[in-house]
Amino acid sequence: MRPFSIAVFGLALAASGSASALVADATQGEKIARRWCAACHLVAPDQKEASADVAPFAAAARHKTNAELADFLTDPHPKMPNMMLSREEIADLVAYMRSLAPEGPKGP
């Protein structure tokens, strides 16, 4: 496992509610999602429009673990903007995504 992936895994655990020095903030994650992601992704239940060919946040959270979500956000696909999110922002964003689909997989 890459050293950065190990750090991301730790942040994903924080987002899942495990004991950690960092506490992910889903409210802050929603703000990040609305600012950076809503132009393409459906990021909130009250959002009216999104691109049809990208996964809504709730669907991604239902199918990916916190670690997979965090890892994806550290190495985004080419069509995504260069967000340069901090580890804390990634943890917050994962916590927000998990809040949209709490029944999804949480572990690594």
C-alpha atoms as a PDB file:
ATOM      1  CA  MET A   1       0.000   0.000   0.000  1.00  0.00           C
ATOM      2  CA  ARG A   2       1.354   3.443  -0.912  1.00  0.00           C
ATOM      3  CA  PRO A   3       2.189   5.696   2.062  1.00  0.00           C
ATOM      4  CA  PHE A   4      -0.391   8.244   0.915  1.00  0.00           C
ATOM      5  CA  SER A   5      -3.006   5.483   0.612  1.00  0.00           C
ATOM      6  CA  ILE A   6      -2.318   4.511   4.204  1.00  0.00           C
ATOM      7  CA  ALA A   7      -2.941   8.115   5.273  1.00  0.00           C
ATOM      8  CA  VAL A   8      -6.119   8.224   3.178  1.00  0.00           C
ATOM      9  CA  PHE A   9      -7.256   4.971   4.744  1.00  0.00           C
ATOM     10  CA  GLY A  10      -6.814   6.550   8.174  1.00  0.00           C
ATOM     11  CA  LEU A  11      -8.919   9.514   7.114  1.00  0.00           C
ATOM     12  CA  ALA A  12     -11.566   7.193   5.751  1.00  0.00           C
ATOM     13  CA  LEU A  13     -11.706   5.471   9.129  1.00  0.00           C
ATOM     14  CA  ALA A  14     -12.171   8.861  10.769  1.00  0.00           C
ATOM     15  CA  ALA A  15     -15.033   9.555   8.369  1.00  0.00           C
ATOM     16  CA  SER A  16     -16.619   6.222   9.250  1.00  0.00           C
ATOM     17  CA  GLY A  17     -16.822   7.066  12.933  1.00  0.00           C
ATOM     18  CA  SER A  18     -13.786   5.164  14.220  1.00  0.00           C
ATOM     19  CA  ALA A  19     -11.800   6.685  17.044  1.00  0.00           C
ATOM     20  CA  SER A  20      -9.291   9.126  15.657  1.00  0.00           C
ATOM     21  CA  ALA A  21      -7.672  12.451  16.368  1.00  0.00           C
ATOM     22  CA  LEU A  22      -9.415  13.823  13.276  1.00  0.00           C
ATOM     23  CA  VAL A  23     -13.175  14.099  13.217  1.00  0.00           C
ATOM     24  CA  ALA A  24     -14.681  14.405   9.760  1.00  0.00           C
ATOM     25  CA  ASP A  25     -17.306  17.108   9.328  1.00  0.00           C
ATOM     26  CA  ALA A  26     -20.110  16.118   6.946  1.00  0.00           C
ATOM     27  CA  THR A  27     -21.500  19.676   6.992  1.00  0.00           C
ATOM     28  CA  GLN A  28     -18.197  21.012   5.731  1.00  0.00           C
ATOM     29  CA  GLY A  29     -18.105  18.138   3.215  1.00  0.00           C
ATOM     30  CA  GLU A  30     -21.460  19.261   1.835  1.00  0.00           C
ATOM     31  CA  LYS A  31     -20.079  22.764   1.317  1.00  0.00           C
ATOM     32  CA  ILE A  32     -17.099  21.320  -0.565  1.00  0.00           C
ATOM     33  CA  ALA A  33     -19.401  19.128  -2.672  1.00  0.00           C
ATOM     34  CA  ARG A  34     -21.645  22.010  -3.607  1.00  0.00           C
ATOM     35  CA  ARG A  35     -18.658  24.203  -4.492  1.00  0.00           C
ATOM     36  CA  TRP A  36     -16.536  21.687  -6.437  1.00  0.00           C
ATOM     37  CA  CYS A  37     -18.750  18.803  -7.520  1.00  0.00           C
ATOM     38  CA  ALA A  38     -22.321  20.001  -8.150  1.00  0.00           C
ATOM     39  CA  ALA A  39     -21.604  21.214 -11.680  1.00  0.00           C
ATOM     40  CA  CYS A  40     -21.453  17.556 -12.768  1.00  0.00           C
ATOM     41  CA  HIS A  41     -22.574  15.294  -9.891  1.00  0.00           C
ATOM     42  CA  LEU A  42     -25.887  15.184  -8.084  1.00  0.00           C
ATOM     43  CA  VAL A  43     -24.505  15.990  -4.638  1.00  0.00           C
ATOM     44  CA  ALA A  44     -27.634  16.752  -2.614  1.00  0.00           C
ATOM     45  CA  PRO A  45     -31.276  15.709  -2.554  1.00  0.00           C
ATOM     46  CA  ASP A  46     -32.408  19.277  -3.262  1.00  0.00           C
ATOM     47  CA  GLN A  47     -30.202  19.665  -6.344  1.00  0.00           C
ATOM     48  CA  LYS A  48     -32.237  20.078  -9.542  1.00  0.00           C
ATOM     49  CA  GLU A  49     -29.656  19.345 -12.277  1.00  0.00           C
ATOM     50  CA  ALA A  50     -26.553  17.234 -12.856  1.00  0.00           C
ATOM     51  CA  SER A  51     -24.824  15.520 -15.744  1.00  0.00           C
ATOM     52  CA  ALA A  52     -26.535  12.290 -16.696  1.00  0.00           C
ATOM     53  CA  ASP A  53     -23.267  10.445 -17.326  1.00  0.00           C
ATOM     54  CA  VAL A  54     -21.693  10.851 -13.856  1.00  0.00           C
ATOM     55  CA  ALA A  55     -22.560   9.014 -10.666  1.00  0.00           C
ATOM     56  CA  PRO A  56     -24.682  10.787  -8.075  1.00  0.00           C
ATOM     57  CA  PHE A  57     -22.906  11.012  -4.720  1.00  0.00           C
ATOM     58  CA  ALA A  58     -25.445   8.759  -2.982  1.00  0.00           C
ATOM     59  CA  ALA A  59     -24.934   6.012  -5.593  1.00  0.00           C
ATOM     60  CA  ALA A  60     -21.154   6.207  -5.279  1.00  0.00           C
ATOM     61  CA  ALA A  61     -21.433   5.991  -1.491  1.00  0.00           C
ATOM     62  CA  ARG A  62     -23.720   2.953  -1.733  1.00  0.00           C
ATOM     63  CA  HIS A  63     -21.156   1.043  -3.822  1.00  0.00           C
ATOM     64  CA  LYS A  64     -17.778   2.168  -2.489  1.00  0.00           C
ATOM     65  CA  THR A  65     -16.137   1.965   0.901  1.00  0.00           C
ATOM     66  CA  ASN A  66     -14.901   5.074   2.662  1.00  0.00           C
ATOM     67  CA  ALA A  67     -11.326   4.137   1.743  1.00  0.00           C
ATOM     68  CA  GLU A  68     -12.261   3.709  -1.929  1.00  0.00           C
ATOM     69  CA  LEU A  69     -14.014   7.086  -1.965  1.00  0.00           C
ATOM     70  CA  ALA A  70     -11.068   8.791  -0.279  1.00  0.00           C
ATOM     71  CA  ASP A  71      -8.566   7.114  -2.598  1.00  0.00           C
ATOM     72  CA  PHE A  72     -10.568   8.238  -5.641  1.00  0.00           C
ATOM     73  CA  LEU A  73     -10.634  11.822  -4.370  1.00  0.00           C
ATOM     74  CA  THR A  74      -6.848  11.842  -3.961  1.00  0.00           C
ATOM     75  CA  ASP A  75      -6.326  10.732  -7.567  1.00  0.00           C
ATOM     76  CA  PRO A  76      -9.336  12.016  -9.549  1.00  0.00           C
ATOM     77  CA  HIS A  77     -10.125  11.106 -13.128  1.00  0.00           C
ATOM     78  CA  PRO A  78      -9.057  13.494 -15.917  1.00  0.00           C
ATOM     79  CA  LYS A  79     -12.432  15.206 -16.363  1.00  0.00           C
ATOM     80  CA  MET A  80     -12.525  16.369 -12.741  1.00  0.00           C
ATOM     81  CA  PRO A  81     -11.186  19.805 -11.832  1.00  0.00           C
ATOM     82  CA  ASN A  82      -7.856  19.983 -10.046  1.00  0.00           C
ATOM     83  CA  MET A  83      -9.368  20.521  -6.612  1.00  0.00           C
ATOM     84  CA  MET A  84      -6.189  20.053  -4.542  1.00  0.00           C
ATOM     85  CA  LEU A  85      -8.200  19.021  -1.476  1.00  0.00           C
ATOM     86  CA  SER A  86      -6.462  18.645   1.876  1.00  0.00           C
ATOM     87  CA  ARG A  87      -6.688  15.385   3.808  1.00  0.00           C
ATOM     88  CA  GLU A  88      -9.221  16.981   6.134  1.00  0.00           C
ATOM     89  CA  GLU A  89     -11.351  18.168   3.211  1.00  0.00           C
ATOM     90  CA  ILE A  90     -11.274  14.666   1.707  1.00  0.00           C
ATOM     91  CA  ALA A  91     -12.366  13.179   5.042  1.00  0.00           C
ATOM     92  CA  ASP A  92     -15.159  15.769   5.274  1.00  0.00           C
ATOM     93  CA  LEU A  93     -16.299  15.027   1.725  1.00  0.00           C
ATOM     94  CA  VAL A  94     -16.307  11.265   2.381  1.00  0.00           C
ATOM     95  CA  ALA A  95     -18.290  11.835   5.603  1.00  0.00           C
ATOM     96  CA  TYR A  96     -20.835  13.857   3.650  1.00  0.00           C
ATOM     97  CA  MET A  97     -21.080  11.216   0.916  1.00  0.00           C
ATOM     98  CA  ARG A  98     -21.561   8.533   3.578  1.00  0.00           C
ATOM     99  CA  SER A  99     -24.361  10.600   5.147  1.00  0.00           C
ATOM    100  CA  LEU A 100     -26.230  10.319   1.827  1.00  0.00           C
ATOM    101  CA  ALA A 101     -26.012   6.519   1.878  1.00  0.00           C
ATOM    102  CA  PRO A 102     -25.386   5.300   5.442  1.00  0.00           C
ATOM    103  CA  GLU A 103     -26.353   1.761   4.415  1.00  0.00           C
ATOM    104  CA  GLY A 104     -23.403   1.522   2.000  1.00  0.00           C
ATOM    105  CA  PRO A 105     -20.100  -0.228   2.738  1.00  0.00           C
ATOM    106  CA  LYS A 106     -17.989   1.661   5.262  1.00  0.00           C
ATOM    107  CA  GLY A 107     -14.871  -0.472   5.712  1.00  0.00           C
ATOM    108  CA  PRO A 108     -11.762  -0.663   3.562  1.00  0.00           C
END
